[in-house]
Amino acid sequence: MAEFTLVVGNKNYSSWSLRAWLMLKQAEVDFDEELIPLYTPGSRNELMRLSPSGRVPVLRHGDLTIWETIAIGEYLAELSPLAGLWPKAKEARAVARAVSAEMHAGFAALRGHFPMNMRSAFPNRPPTPEAQTDINRIEAIWRDCRKRFGGEGDFLLGSLSIADAMYAPVVSRFRTYKIDLDAEAQRYADAIWALPAFQEWLTAAGNEPMIIEEAEF
């Protein structure tokens, strides 16, 4: 039995679960995984038993329960400072935290119009004007981070960080709905897609039998 347990939702649909899972993979800690199928009879009661928020992801470490994604990342960064979950340079670290918080709190139009569905493709669902505004802002974030801090690395702040985990589900959404990106944003999206941990999650998502009709078009 591993020291950590991560409670996740359906891998095909749960964007927040993916974020925390990638953070744990980057921290290189051994963890057990507990999957709670979402939107099924009894799932809400099971989640309330595991988390005061009734949401996923949830990280358990001994007697400690952490039920919020960025808090999970911060906790892992403190436990594994050599894993590079936040950039070393203070300016890059500040920007990484800012763009992570922006993803956490924003982009409601994108989330609502383009729910995550990793194993499917819906090229005929164009963005609403509000969703396009969100897409434009995300591309601007990616361009700015790459220009200012990307250096020779492939990721937003050069090396892989919590910020990349926060934007990884957006990469999946852009591919599912065939969103055209500028060249710099597409290079970044391809780097995230090629991550072994991302591909591991994607394979598991494709093998899931569960279907959430609201995310199928």
N, C-alpha and C. Protein backbone atom coordinates (compact mmCIF):
# COMPACT_ATOMS: atom_id res chain seq x y z
N MET A 1 0.84 -1.20 0.00
CA MET A 1 0.00 0.00 0.00
C MET A 1 0.87 1.25 0.00
N ALA A 2 0.60 2.16 -0.92
CA ALA A 2 1.40 3.37 -1.05
C ALA A 2 1.09 4.36 0.06
N GLU A 3 2.01 5.29 0.26
CA GLU A 3 1.86 6.31 1.29
C GLU A 3 0.74 7.30 0.95
N PHE A 4 0.54 7.54 -0.34
CA PHE A 4 -0.46 8.49 -0.81
C PHE A 4 -1.59 7.74 -1.51
N THR A 5 -2.79 8.31 -1.45
CA THR A 5 -3.92 7.83 -2.25
C THR A 5 -4.57 9.03 -2.92
N LEU A 6 -4.76 8.93 -4.22
CA LEU A 6 -5.44 9.99 -4.97
C LEU A 6 -6.79 9.47 -5.41
N VAL A 7 -7.84 10.18 -5.04
CA VAL A 7 -9.20 9.85 -5.45
C VAL A 7 -9.51 10.67 -6.69
N VAL A 8 -9.91 9.99 -7.76
CA VAL A 8 -10.18 10.66 -9.03
C VAL A 8 -11.56 10.27 -9.54
N GLY A 9 -12.04 11.04 -10.50
CA GLY A 9 -13.27 10.70 -11.20
C GLY A 9 -12.95 10.01 -12.51
N ASN A 10 -13.97 9.86 -13.35
CA ASN A 10 -13.80 9.22 -14.65
C ASN A 10 -12.65 9.89 -15.41
N LYS A 11 -11.71 9.09 -15.88
CA LYS A 11 -10.53 9.67 -16.53
C LYS A 11 -10.88 10.32 -17.86
N ASN A 12 -11.92 9.85 -18.51
CA ASN A 12 -12.29 10.45 -19.78
C ASN A 12 -12.86 11.86 -19.62
N TYR A 13 -13.46 12.14 -18.48
CA TYR A 13 -14.21 13.38 -18.33
C TYR A 13 -13.69 14.32 -17.24
N SER A 14 -12.94 13.82 -16.27
CA SER A 14 -12.61 14.62 -15.08
C SER A 14 -11.31 15.39 -15.28
N SER A 15 -11.43 16.62 -15.69
CA SER A 15 -10.25 17.45 -15.96
C SER A 15 -9.46 17.74 -14.69
N TRP A 16 -10.16 17.99 -13.59
CA TRP A 16 -9.46 18.30 -12.34
C TRP A 16 -8.70 17.11 -11.82
N SER A 17 -9.24 15.92 -11.99
CA SER A 17 -8.51 14.71 -11.58
C SER A 17 -7.20 14.58 -12.36
N LEU A 18 -7.26 14.85 -13.66
CA LEU A 18 -6.05 14.78 -14.48
C LEU A 18 -4.99 15.73 -13.96
N ARG A 19 -5.37 16.94 -13.60
CA ARG A 19 -4.39 17.92 -13.13
C ARG A 19 -3.63 17.39 -11.91
N ALA A 20 -4.35 16.92 -10.90
CA ALA A 20 -3.69 16.44 -9.69
C ALA A 20 -2.86 15.19 -9.98
N TRP A 21 -3.36 14.32 -10.84
CA TRP A 21 -2.64 13.09 -11.19
C TRP A 21 -1.30 13.40 -11.84
N LEU A 22 -1.28 14.39 -12.74
CA LEU A 22 -0.03 14.78 -13.38
C LEU A 22 0.95 15.38 -12.37
N MET A 23 0.44 16.11 -11.40
CA MET A 23 1.31 16.67 -10.36
C MET A 23 1.98 15.56 -9.56
N LEU A 24 1.22 14.54 -9.19
CA LEU A 24 1.80 13.42 -8.45
C LEU A 24 2.83 12.68 -9.30
N LYS A 25 2.55 12.51 -10.58
CA LYS A 25 3.51 11.86 -11.46
C LYS A 25 4.81 12.66 -11.54
N GLN A 26 4.68 13.98 -11.63
CA GLN A 26 5.87 14.81 -11.70
C GLN A 26 6.65 14.77 -10.40
N ALA A 27 5.95 14.71 -9.28
CA ALA A 27 6.63 14.64 -7.98
C ALA A 27 7.32 13.31 -7.76
N GLU A 28 6.99 12.31 -8.60
CA GLU A 28 7.60 10.99 -8.54
C GLU A 28 7.40 10.32 -7.18
N VAL A 29 6.19 10.44 -6.66
CA VAL A 29 5.84 9.73 -5.44
C VAL A 29 4.94 8.54 -5.80
N ASP A 30 5.09 7.48 -5.06
CA ASP A 30 4.21 6.33 -5.26
C ASP A 30 2.84 6.64 -4.66
N PHE A 31 1.79 6.32 -5.40
CA PHE A 31 0.46 6.56 -4.87
C PHE A 31 -0.51 5.52 -5.39
N ASP A 32 -1.48 5.21 -4.55
CA ASP A 32 -2.60 4.39 -4.96
C ASP A 32 -3.66 5.30 -5.57
N GLU A 33 -4.49 4.72 -6.39
CA GLU A 33 -5.53 5.47 -7.07
C GLU A 33 -6.89 4.85 -6.76
N GLU A 34 -7.83 5.71 -6.43
CA GLU A 34 -9.20 5.26 -6.18
C GLU A 34 -10.13 6.03 -7.11
N LEU A 35 -10.80 5.33 -8.00
CA LEU A 35 -11.65 5.98 -8.99
C LEU A 35 -13.11 5.88 -8.57
N ILE A 36 -13.78 7.02 -8.51
CA ILE A 36 -15.20 7.09 -8.21
C ILE A 36 -15.93 7.50 -9.48
N PRO A 37 -16.72 6.60 -10.10
CA PRO A 37 -17.48 7.01 -11.29
C PRO A 37 -18.44 8.15 -10.96
N LEU A 38 -18.37 9.22 -11.72
CA LEU A 38 -19.18 10.40 -11.44
C LEU A 38 -20.58 10.27 -12.03
N TYR A 39 -21.52 10.97 -11.40
CA TYR A 39 -22.90 11.07 -11.89
C TYR A 39 -23.57 9.69 -12.00
N THR A 40 -23.28 8.83 -11.03
CA THR A 40 -23.93 7.53 -10.95
C THR A 40 -24.61 7.44 -9.59
N PRO A 41 -25.61 6.57 -9.44
CA PRO A 41 -26.27 6.43 -8.14
C PRO A 41 -25.26 6.09 -7.04
N GLY A 42 -25.27 6.88 -6.01
CA GLY A 42 -24.38 6.64 -4.88
C GLY A 42 -23.05 7.35 -4.96
N SER A 43 -22.68 7.90 -6.13
CA SER A 43 -21.35 8.51 -6.24
C SER A 43 -21.23 9.75 -5.37
N ARG A 44 -22.30 10.54 -5.29
CA ARG A 44 -22.24 11.75 -4.47
C ARG A 44 -22.03 11.41 -3.00
N ASN A 45 -22.73 10.40 -2.51
CA ASN A 45 -22.56 10.00 -1.11
C ASN A 45 -21.15 9.48 -0.86
N GLU A 46 -20.60 8.75 -1.82
CA GLU A 46 -19.25 8.23 -1.67
C GLU A 46 -18.23 9.37 -1.65
N LEU A 47 -18.44 10.37 -2.50
CA LEU A 47 -17.52 11.50 -2.52
C LEU A 47 -17.62 12.31 -1.24
N MET A 48 -18.80 12.48 -0.71
CA MET A 48 -18.96 13.22 0.54
C MET A 48 -18.29 12.48 1.69
N ARG A 49 -18.23 11.17 1.61
CA ARG A 49 -17.54 10.39 2.63
C ARG A 49 -16.03 10.62 2.57
N LEU A 50 -15.52 10.86 1.37
CA LEU A 50 -14.09 10.99 1.18
C LEU A 50 -13.59 12.42 1.25
N SER A 51 -14.47 13.38 0.97
CA SER A 51 -14.03 14.77 0.84
C SER A 51 -15.10 15.71 1.38
N PRO A 52 -14.72 16.72 2.15
CA PRO A 52 -15.71 17.67 2.64
C PRO A 52 -16.38 18.49 1.54
N SER A 53 -15.72 18.61 0.38
CA SER A 53 -16.31 19.35 -0.73
C SER A 53 -17.20 18.48 -1.59
N GLY A 54 -17.07 17.17 -1.47
CA GLY A 54 -17.83 16.26 -2.32
C GLY A 54 -17.37 16.28 -3.76
N ARG A 55 -16.11 16.67 -4.00
CA ARG A 55 -15.58 16.76 -5.35
C ARG A 55 -14.25 16.01 -5.45
N VAL A 56 -13.87 15.71 -6.68
CA VAL A 56 -12.54 15.17 -6.95
C VAL A 56 -11.70 16.26 -7.60
N PRO A 57 -10.37 16.17 -7.44
CA PRO A 57 -9.60 15.11 -6.81
C PRO A 57 -9.48 15.31 -5.32
N VAL A 58 -9.08 14.24 -4.65
CA VAL A 58 -8.79 14.26 -3.22
C VAL A 58 -7.49 13.51 -3.01
N LEU A 59 -6.56 14.13 -2.29
CA LEU A 59 -5.31 13.46 -1.95
C LEU A 59 -5.33 13.13 -0.46
N ARG A 60 -5.07 11.86 -0.16
CA ARG A 60 -4.95 11.42 1.23
C ARG A 60 -3.50 11.05 1.51
N HIS A 61 -2.97 11.60 2.60
CA HIS A 61 -1.60 11.30 3.02
C HIS A 61 -1.64 11.08 4.53
N GLY A 62 -1.66 9.83 4.94
CA GLY A 62 -1.86 9.53 6.34
C GLY A 62 -3.23 10.01 6.79
N ASP A 63 -3.24 10.80 7.85
CA ASP A 63 -4.50 11.34 8.37
C ASP A 63 -4.91 12.64 7.68
N LEU A 64 -4.09 13.12 6.77
CA LEU A 64 -4.37 14.39 6.10
C LEU A 64 -5.17 14.16 4.83
N THR A 65 -6.21 14.98 4.63
CA THR A 65 -7.00 14.98 3.40
C THR A 65 -6.91 16.36 2.76
N ILE A 66 -6.54 16.40 1.47
CA ILE A 66 -6.45 17.66 0.72
C ILE A 66 -7.41 17.54 -0.46
N TRP A 67 -8.37 18.44 -0.54
CA TRP A 67 -9.48 18.28 -1.50
C TRP A 67 -9.53 19.38 -2.54
N GLU A 68 -8.43 20.08 -2.77
CA GLU A 68 -8.41 21.17 -3.74
C GLU A 68 -7.14 21.05 -4.55
N THR A 69 -7.25 21.23 -5.88
CA THR A 69 -6.17 20.84 -6.78
C THR A 69 -4.89 21.64 -6.58
N ILE A 70 -4.98 22.96 -6.54
CA ILE A 70 -3.77 23.75 -6.36
C ILE A 70 -3.16 23.49 -4.98
N ALA A 71 -3.99 23.28 -3.98
CA ALA A 71 -3.47 22.94 -2.65
C ALA A 71 -2.72 21.62 -2.68
N ILE A 72 -3.20 20.67 -3.47
CA ILE A 72 -2.48 19.41 -3.65
C ILE A 72 -1.11 19.68 -4.25
N GLY A 73 -1.08 20.51 -5.29
CA GLY A 73 0.20 20.85 -5.91
C GLY A 73 1.15 21.54 -4.95
N GLU A 74 0.65 22.48 -4.17
CA GLU A 74 1.50 23.19 -3.20
C GLU A 74 2.05 22.23 -2.16
N TYR A 75 1.21 21.31 -1.70
CA TYR A 75 1.65 20.34 -0.70
C TYR A 75 2.76 19.45 -1.27
N LEU A 76 2.57 18.97 -2.48
CA LEU A 76 3.59 18.15 -3.12
C LEU A 76 4.88 18.92 -3.35
N ALA A 77 4.76 20.20 -3.71
CA ALA A 77 5.95 21.02 -3.93
C ALA A 77 6.75 21.18 -2.64
N GLU A 78 6.05 21.28 -1.51
CA GLU A 78 6.75 21.37 -0.23
C GLU A 78 7.40 20.05 0.15
N LEU A 79 6.73 18.94 -0.13
CA LEU A 79 7.28 17.64 0.22
C LEU A 79 8.43 17.23 -0.69
N SER A 80 8.37 17.64 -1.96
CA SER A 80 9.37 17.22 -2.96
C SER A 80 9.96 18.45 -3.64
N PRO A 81 10.76 19.24 -2.92
CA PRO A 81 11.26 20.50 -3.50
C PRO A 81 12.16 20.29 -4.71
N LEU A 82 12.77 19.13 -4.83
CA LEU A 82 13.66 18.88 -5.97
C LEU A 82 12.91 18.47 -7.23
N ALA A 83 11.60 18.25 -7.13
CA ALA A 83 10.83 17.81 -8.29
C ALA A 83 10.54 18.95 -9.27
N GLY A 84 10.76 20.18 -8.85
CA GLY A 84 10.56 21.32 -9.75
C GLY A 84 9.11 21.61 -10.07
N LEU A 85 8.21 21.34 -9.13
CA LEU A 85 6.79 21.59 -9.40
C LEU A 85 6.50 23.08 -9.61
N TRP A 86 7.26 23.95 -8.98
CA TRP A 86 7.26 25.37 -9.29
C TRP A 86 8.64 25.76 -9.80
N PRO A 87 8.73 26.75 -10.69
CA PRO A 87 10.05 27.19 -11.19
C PRO A 87 10.92 27.72 -10.05
N LYS A 88 12.24 27.63 -10.23
CA LYS A 88 13.17 28.11 -9.21
C LYS A 88 13.22 29.63 -9.17
N ALA A 89 13.22 30.28 -10.32
CA ALA A 89 13.32 31.74 -10.37
C ALA A 89 12.04 32.38 -9.84
N LYS A 90 12.18 33.37 -8.99
CA LYS A 90 11.00 33.93 -8.31
C LYS A 90 10.03 34.58 -9.29
N GLU A 91 10.56 35.23 -10.37
CA GLU A 91 9.66 35.87 -11.32
C GLU A 91 8.85 34.81 -12.07
N ALA A 92 9.52 33.77 -12.53
CA ALA A 92 8.82 32.69 -13.22
C ALA A 92 7.84 31.99 -12.28
N ARG A 93 8.23 31.81 -11.03
CA ARG A 93 7.35 31.16 -10.05
C ARG A 93 6.10 31.99 -9.82
N ALA A 94 6.26 33.31 -9.75
CA ALA A 94 5.09 34.18 -9.55
C ALA A 94 4.13 34.09 -10.73
N VAL A 95 4.68 34.08 -11.95
CA VAL A 95 3.83 33.98 -13.14
C VAL A 95 3.17 32.60 -13.21
N ALA A 96 3.92 31.56 -12.87
CA ALA A 96 3.34 30.21 -12.86
C ALA A 96 2.15 30.13 -11.92
N ARG A 97 2.28 30.74 -10.75
CA ARG A 97 1.17 30.74 -9.81
C ARG A 97 0.00 31.57 -10.34
N ALA A 98 0.31 32.69 -10.99
CA ALA A 98 -0.76 33.55 -11.51
C ALA A 98 -1.56 32.85 -12.60
N VAL A 99 -0.87 32.22 -13.55
CA VAL A 99 -1.61 31.57 -14.64
C VAL A 99 -2.32 30.31 -14.16
N SER A 100 -1.77 29.66 -13.14
CA SER A 100 -2.46 28.51 -12.57
C SER A 100 -3.75 28.94 -11.87
N ALA A 101 -3.67 30.03 -11.12
CA ALA A 101 -4.86 30.54 -10.46
C ALA A 101 -5.89 31.04 -11.46
N GLU A 102 -5.43 31.63 -12.56
CA GLU A 102 -6.36 32.09 -13.58
C GLU A 102 -7.12 30.91 -14.20
N MET A 103 -6.43 29.81 -14.45
CA MET A 103 -7.10 28.63 -14.96
C MET A 103 -8.07 28.08 -13.92
N HIS A 104 -7.67 28.09 -12.69
CA HIS A 104 -8.51 27.57 -11.62
C HIS A 104 -9.82 28.33 -11.52
N ALA A 105 -9.75 29.65 -11.67
CA ALA A 105 -10.91 30.49 -11.40
C ALA A 105 -11.69 30.89 -12.64
N GLY A 106 -11.10 30.75 -13.82
CA GLY A 106 -11.71 31.34 -15.00
C GLY A 106 -12.10 30.36 -16.09
N PHE A 107 -12.33 30.92 -17.27
CA PHE A 107 -12.60 30.17 -18.49
C PHE A 107 -13.89 29.34 -18.40
N ALA A 108 -14.90 29.92 -17.77
CA ALA A 108 -16.17 29.20 -17.60
C ALA A 108 -16.84 28.91 -18.94
N ALA A 109 -16.74 29.83 -19.88
CA ALA A 109 -17.39 29.62 -21.18
C ALA A 109 -16.77 28.44 -21.91
N LEU A 110 -15.45 28.35 -21.86
CA LEU A 110 -14.76 27.22 -22.49
C LEU A 110 -15.16 25.91 -21.83
N ARG A 111 -15.16 25.89 -20.51
CA ARG A 111 -15.51 24.66 -19.79
C ARG A 111 -16.93 24.22 -20.12
N GLY A 112 -17.85 25.17 -20.14
CA GLY A 112 -19.24 24.83 -20.35
C GLY A 112 -19.54 24.35 -21.77
N HIS A 113 -18.94 25.00 -22.74
CA HIS A 113 -19.23 24.68 -24.14
C HIS A 113 -18.44 23.47 -24.63
N PHE A 114 -17.24 23.28 -24.06
CA PHE A 114 -16.36 22.20 -24.49
C PHE A 114 -16.00 21.30 -23.31
N PRO A 115 -16.94 20.51 -22.80
CA PRO A 115 -16.60 19.60 -21.69
C PRO A 115 -15.51 18.61 -22.11
N MET A 116 -14.70 18.21 -21.15
CA MET A 116 -13.62 17.29 -21.49
C MET A 116 -14.16 15.93 -21.88
N ASN A 117 -13.65 15.41 -22.98
CA ASN A 117 -13.99 14.07 -23.46
C ASN A 117 -12.79 13.59 -24.27
N MET A 118 -11.89 12.87 -23.61
CA MET A 118 -10.59 12.59 -24.20
C MET A 118 -10.63 11.56 -25.31
N ARG A 119 -11.61 10.67 -25.30
CA ARG A 119 -11.59 9.57 -26.27
C ARG A 119 -12.42 9.87 -27.51
N SER A 120 -13.03 11.04 -27.59
CA SER A 120 -13.93 11.36 -28.69
C SER A 120 -13.41 12.55 -29.49
N ALA A 121 -14.01 12.79 -30.64
CA ALA A 121 -13.69 13.94 -31.47
C ALA A 121 -14.99 14.56 -31.95
N PHE A 122 -15.11 15.88 -31.75
CA PHE A 122 -16.32 16.61 -32.17
C PHE A 122 -15.89 17.84 -32.96
N PRO A 123 -15.45 17.65 -34.20
CA PRO A 123 -14.93 18.78 -34.97
C PRO A 123 -16.00 19.76 -35.43
N ASN A 124 -17.26 19.38 -35.34
CA ASN A 124 -18.33 20.24 -35.84
C ASN A 124 -19.05 21.01 -34.74
N ARG A 125 -18.36 21.25 -33.64
CA ARG A 125 -18.92 22.05 -32.55
C ARG A 125 -18.07 23.32 -32.42
N PRO A 126 -18.39 24.35 -33.18
CA PRO A 126 -17.56 25.56 -33.16
C PRO A 126 -17.70 26.31 -31.84
N PRO A 127 -16.72 27.10 -31.49
CA PRO A 127 -16.80 27.86 -30.24
C PRO A 127 -17.84 28.97 -30.32
N THR A 128 -18.47 29.23 -29.19
CA THR A 128 -19.29 30.43 -29.06
C THR A 128 -18.35 31.64 -28.99
N PRO A 129 -18.86 32.85 -29.18
CA PRO A 129 -17.98 34.02 -29.02
C PRO A 129 -17.31 34.07 -27.65
N GLU A 130 -18.04 33.69 -26.61
CA GLU A 130 -17.46 33.70 -25.26
C GLU A 130 -16.36 32.66 -25.12
N ALA A 131 -16.60 31.46 -25.67
CA ALA A 131 -15.57 30.42 -25.63
C ALA A 131 -14.35 30.82 -26.45
N GLN A 132 -14.57 31.50 -27.58
CA GLN A 132 -13.44 31.95 -28.40
C GLN A 132 -12.61 32.98 -27.64
N THR A 133 -13.25 33.83 -26.87
CA THR A 133 -12.51 34.78 -26.04
C THR A 133 -11.61 34.04 -25.06
N ASP A 134 -12.13 32.98 -24.46
CA ASP A 134 -11.32 32.17 -23.55
C ASP A 134 -10.16 31.51 -24.28
N ILE A 135 -10.42 30.99 -25.47
CA ILE A 135 -9.36 30.36 -26.26
C ILE A 135 -8.26 31.39 -26.57
N ASN A 136 -8.67 32.58 -26.97
CA ASN A 136 -7.68 33.62 -27.29
C ASN A 136 -6.82 33.96 -26.08
N ARG A 137 -7.45 34.03 -24.92
CA ARG A 137 -6.70 34.35 -23.71
C ARG A 137 -5.71 33.23 -23.37
N ILE A 138 -6.14 31.99 -23.51
CA ILE A 138 -5.23 30.87 -23.21
C ILE A 138 -4.04 30.88 -24.16
N GLU A 139 -4.29 31.09 -25.44
CA GLU A 139 -3.18 31.18 -26.38
C GLU A 139 -2.23 32.31 -25.99
N ALA A 140 -2.77 33.45 -25.55
CA ALA A 140 -1.93 34.58 -25.15
C ALA A 140 -1.08 34.20 -23.92
N ILE A 141 -1.67 33.50 -22.98
CA ILE A 141 -0.92 33.04 -21.81
C ILE A 141 0.23 32.14 -22.24
N TRP A 142 -0.08 31.19 -23.10
CA TRP A 142 0.95 30.25 -23.55
C TRP A 142 2.08 30.99 -24.27
N ARG A 143 1.73 31.90 -25.17
CA ARG A 143 2.75 32.65 -25.91
C ARG A 143 3.62 33.46 -24.96
N ASP A 144 2.98 34.17 -24.03
CA ASP A 144 3.72 35.04 -23.12
C ASP A 144 4.65 34.24 -22.22
N CYS A 145 4.16 33.15 -21.66
CA CYS A 145 5.00 32.33 -20.78
C CYS A 145 6.17 31.73 -21.55
N ARG A 146 5.89 31.24 -22.73
CA ARG A 146 6.96 30.63 -23.52
C ARG A 146 8.01 31.68 -23.92
N LYS A 147 7.56 32.87 -24.30
CA LYS A 147 8.49 33.92 -24.71
C LYS A 147 9.35 34.38 -23.55
N ARG A 148 8.74 34.56 -22.38
CA ARG A 148 9.45 35.15 -21.25
C ARG A 148 10.27 34.12 -20.48
N PHE A 149 9.75 32.90 -20.36
CA PHE A 149 10.38 31.95 -19.45
C PHE A 149 10.64 30.57 -20.05
N GLY A 150 10.20 30.34 -21.29
CA GLY A 150 10.29 29.00 -21.84
C GLY A 150 11.70 28.54 -22.13
N GLY A 151 12.57 29.47 -22.53
CA GLY A 151 13.95 29.13 -22.82
C GLY A 151 14.06 27.99 -23.81
N GLU A 152 14.90 27.02 -23.48
CA GLU A 152 15.12 25.86 -24.35
C GLU A 152 14.18 24.71 -24.03
N GLY A 153 13.30 24.88 -23.04
CA GLY A 153 12.39 23.80 -22.67
C GLY A 153 11.16 23.78 -23.55
N ASP A 154 10.34 22.78 -23.32
CA ASP A 154 9.14 22.59 -24.13
C ASP A 154 7.88 23.13 -23.46
N PHE A 155 7.98 23.57 -22.21
CA PHE A 155 6.77 23.83 -21.44
C PHE A 155 6.64 25.32 -21.11
N LEU A 156 5.59 25.67 -20.40
CA LEU A 156 5.28 27.09 -20.21
C LEU A 156 6.41 27.87 -19.58
N LEU A 157 7.02 27.28 -18.56
CA LEU A 157 8.09 27.96 -17.85
C LEU A 157 9.43 27.26 -18.10
N GLY A 158 9.55 26.58 -19.21
CA GLY A 158 10.77 25.86 -19.54
C GLY A 158 10.64 24.39 -19.19
N SER A 159 10.80 24.08 -17.91
CA SER A 159 10.63 22.71 -17.44
C SER A 159 9.20 22.51 -16.95
N LEU A 160 8.79 21.27 -16.86
CA LEU A 160 7.43 20.92 -16.48
C LEU A 160 7.11 21.43 -15.08
N SER A 161 5.93 22.00 -14.90
CA SER A 161 5.55 22.58 -13.61
C SER A 161 4.06 22.38 -13.36
N ILE A 162 3.62 22.82 -12.20
CA ILE A 162 2.20 22.78 -11.86
C ILE A 162 1.38 23.53 -12.90
N ALA A 163 1.92 24.62 -13.43
CA ALA A 163 1.19 25.39 -14.44
C ALA A 163 0.84 24.52 -15.64
N ASP A 164 1.75 23.66 -16.05
CA ASP A 164 1.48 22.78 -17.19
C ASP A 164 0.40 21.76 -16.84
N ALA A 165 0.42 21.25 -15.63
CA ALA A 165 -0.63 20.33 -15.21
C ALA A 165 -1.99 21.02 -15.23
N MET A 166 -2.02 22.29 -14.87
CA MET A 166 -3.29 23.02 -14.85
C MET A 166 -3.86 23.21 -16.25
N TYR A 167 -2.99 23.35 -17.26
CA TYR A 167 -3.47 23.59 -18.63
C TYR A 167 -3.56 22.32 -19.46
N ALA A 168 -3.10 21.19 -18.94
CA ALA A 168 -3.13 19.94 -19.71
C ALA A 168 -4.54 19.55 -20.18
N PRO A 169 -5.59 19.66 -19.34
CA PRO A 169 -6.92 19.31 -19.84
C PRO A 169 -7.40 20.21 -20.97
N VAL A 170 -6.91 21.44 -21.02
CA VAL A 170 -7.27 22.33 -22.12
C VAL A 170 -6.67 21.82 -23.43
N VAL A 171 -5.45 21.29 -23.35
CA VAL A 171 -4.84 20.68 -24.52
C VAL A 171 -5.75 19.57 -25.05
N SER A 172 -6.28 18.76 -24.15
CA SER A 172 -7.20 17.69 -24.56
C SER A 172 -8.45 18.27 -25.20
N ARG A 173 -9.02 19.28 -24.60
CA ARG A 173 -10.22 19.90 -25.17
C ARG A 173 -9.97 20.44 -26.57
N PHE A 174 -8.84 21.12 -26.75
CA PHE A 174 -8.55 21.68 -28.06
C PHE A 174 -8.46 20.60 -29.13
N ARG A 175 -7.92 19.44 -28.75
CA ARG A 175 -7.83 18.36 -29.73
C ARG A 175 -9.20 17.73 -29.97
N THR A 176 -9.97 17.51 -28.93
CA THR A 176 -11.30 16.90 -29.08
C THR A 176 -12.17 17.71 -30.02
N TYR A 177 -12.14 19.05 -29.88
CA TYR A 177 -13.03 19.91 -30.65
C TYR A 177 -12.33 20.54 -31.86
N LYS A 178 -11.12 20.07 -32.15
CA LYS A 178 -10.37 20.50 -33.35
C LYS A 178 -10.26 22.03 -33.44
N ILE A 179 -9.76 22.61 -32.35
CA ILE A 179 -9.57 24.06 -32.30
C ILE A 179 -8.25 24.42 -32.98
N ASP A 180 -8.31 25.34 -33.93
CA ASP A 180 -7.10 25.80 -34.61
C ASP A 180 -6.32 26.73 -33.68
N LEU A 181 -5.03 26.43 -33.53
CA LEU A 181 -4.15 27.21 -32.67
C LEU A 181 -3.04 27.83 -33.49
N ASP A 182 -2.46 28.92 -32.97
CA ASP A 182 -1.29 29.47 -33.65
C ASP A 182 -0.12 28.51 -33.47
N ALA A 183 0.96 28.73 -34.23
CA ALA A 183 2.06 27.77 -34.28
C ALA A 183 2.71 27.55 -32.92
N GLU A 184 2.91 28.63 -32.15
CA GLU A 184 3.55 28.49 -30.85
C GLU A 184 2.67 27.71 -29.87
N ALA A 185 1.38 28.02 -29.87
CA ALA A 185 0.46 27.30 -29.00
C ALA A 185 0.36 25.83 -29.40
N GLN A 186 0.38 25.56 -30.68
CA GLN A 186 0.30 24.17 -31.13
C GLN A 186 1.54 23.38 -30.73
N ARG A 187 2.71 24.00 -30.80
CA ARG A 187 3.93 23.31 -30.37
C ARG A 187 3.85 22.95 -28.89
N TYR A 188 3.34 23.90 -28.11
CA TYR A 188 3.20 23.62 -26.68
C TYR A 188 2.18 22.50 -26.45
N ALA A 189 1.04 22.57 -27.13
CA ALA A 189 0.02 21.54 -26.98
C ALA A 189 0.56 20.17 -27.36
N ASP A 190 1.36 20.11 -28.40
CA ASP A 190 1.95 18.83 -28.81
C ASP A 190 2.91 18.29 -27.76
N ALA A 191 3.65 19.17 -27.08
CA ALA A 191 4.58 18.74 -26.04
C ALA A 191 3.82 18.13 -24.86
N ILE A 192 2.71 18.75 -24.47
CA ILE A 192 1.89 18.20 -23.40
C ILE A 192 1.32 16.85 -23.82
N TRP A 193 0.80 16.77 -25.03
CA TRP A 193 0.17 15.55 -25.52
C TRP A 193 1.16 14.38 -25.52
N ALA A 194 2.42 14.67 -25.78
CA ALA A 194 3.44 13.62 -25.89
C ALA A 194 3.98 13.16 -24.54
N LEU A 195 3.63 13.83 -23.46
CA LEU A 195 4.13 13.42 -22.14
C LEU A 195 3.73 11.97 -21.86
N PRO A 196 4.66 11.13 -21.41
CA PRO A 196 4.29 9.75 -21.08
C PRO A 196 3.17 9.65 -20.06
N ALA A 197 3.17 10.52 -19.05
CA ALA A 197 2.11 10.47 -18.04
C ALA A 197 0.77 10.84 -18.66
N PHE A 198 0.76 11.83 -19.55
CA PHE A 198 -0.48 12.22 -20.22
C PHE A 198 -0.98 11.06 -21.08
N GLN A 199 -0.08 10.41 -21.79
CA GLN A 199 -0.49 9.29 -22.64
C GLN A 199 -1.00 8.11 -21.81
N GLU A 200 -0.42 7.92 -20.64
CA GLU A 200 -0.90 6.85 -19.74
C GLU A 200 -2.34 7.12 -19.32
N TRP A 201 -2.62 8.36 -18.94
CA TRP A 201 -3.99 8.73 -18.56
C TRP A 201 -4.94 8.59 -19.75
N LEU A 202 -4.49 9.04 -20.92
CA LEU A 202 -5.31 8.99 -22.13
C LEU A 202 -5.69 7.55 -22.47
N THR A 203 -4.75 6.63 -22.35
CA THR A 203 -5.03 5.23 -22.62
C THR A 203 -6.09 4.69 -21.67
N ALA A 204 -5.94 5.02 -20.39
CA ALA A 204 -6.93 4.57 -19.40
C ALA A 204 -8.29 5.17 -19.69
N ALA A 205 -8.32 6.44 -20.10
CA ALA A 205 -9.59 7.09 -20.43
C ALA A 205 -10.28 6.39 -21.58
N GLY A 206 -9.50 5.99 -22.57
CA GLY A 206 -10.07 5.30 -23.72
C GLY A 206 -10.63 3.94 -23.40
N ASN A 207 -10.16 3.33 -22.33
CA ASN A 207 -10.61 2.00 -21.95
C ASN A 207 -11.79 2.01 -20.97
N GLU A 208 -12.19 3.18 -20.54
CA GLU A 208 -13.30 3.25 -19.57
C GLU A 208 -14.64 2.94 -20.24
N PRO A 209 -15.51 2.22 -19.54
CA PRO A 209 -16.83 1.94 -20.12
C PRO A 209 -17.87 3.01 -19.82
N MET A 210 -17.60 3.87 -18.83
CA MET A 210 -18.61 4.83 -18.38
C MET A 210 -18.86 5.91 -19.43
N ILE A 211 -20.11 6.33 -19.53
CA ILE A 211 -20.50 7.39 -20.46
C ILE A 211 -21.31 8.44 -19.71
N ILE A 212 -20.92 9.69 -19.87
CA ILE A 212 -21.69 10.82 -19.35
C ILE A 212 -22.30 11.52 -20.56
N GLU A 213 -23.60 11.39 -20.71
CA GLU A 213 -24.26 11.85 -21.94
C GLU A 213 -24.09 13.33 -22.19
N GLU A 214 -23.98 14.14 -21.13
CA GLU A 214 -23.89 15.58 -21.31
C GLU A 214 -22.58 16.00 -21.98
N ALA A 215 -21.60 15.11 -21.99
CA ALA A 215 -20.32 15.42 -22.61
C ALA A 215 -20.14 14.71 -23.95
N GLU A 216 -21.23 14.17 -24.49
CA GLU A 216 -21.19 13.51 -25.79
C GLU A 216 -22.07 14.29 -26.77
N PHE A 217 -21.54 14.50 -27.98
CA PHE A 217 -22.28 15.31 -28.96
C PHE A 217 -22.38 14.52 -30.28
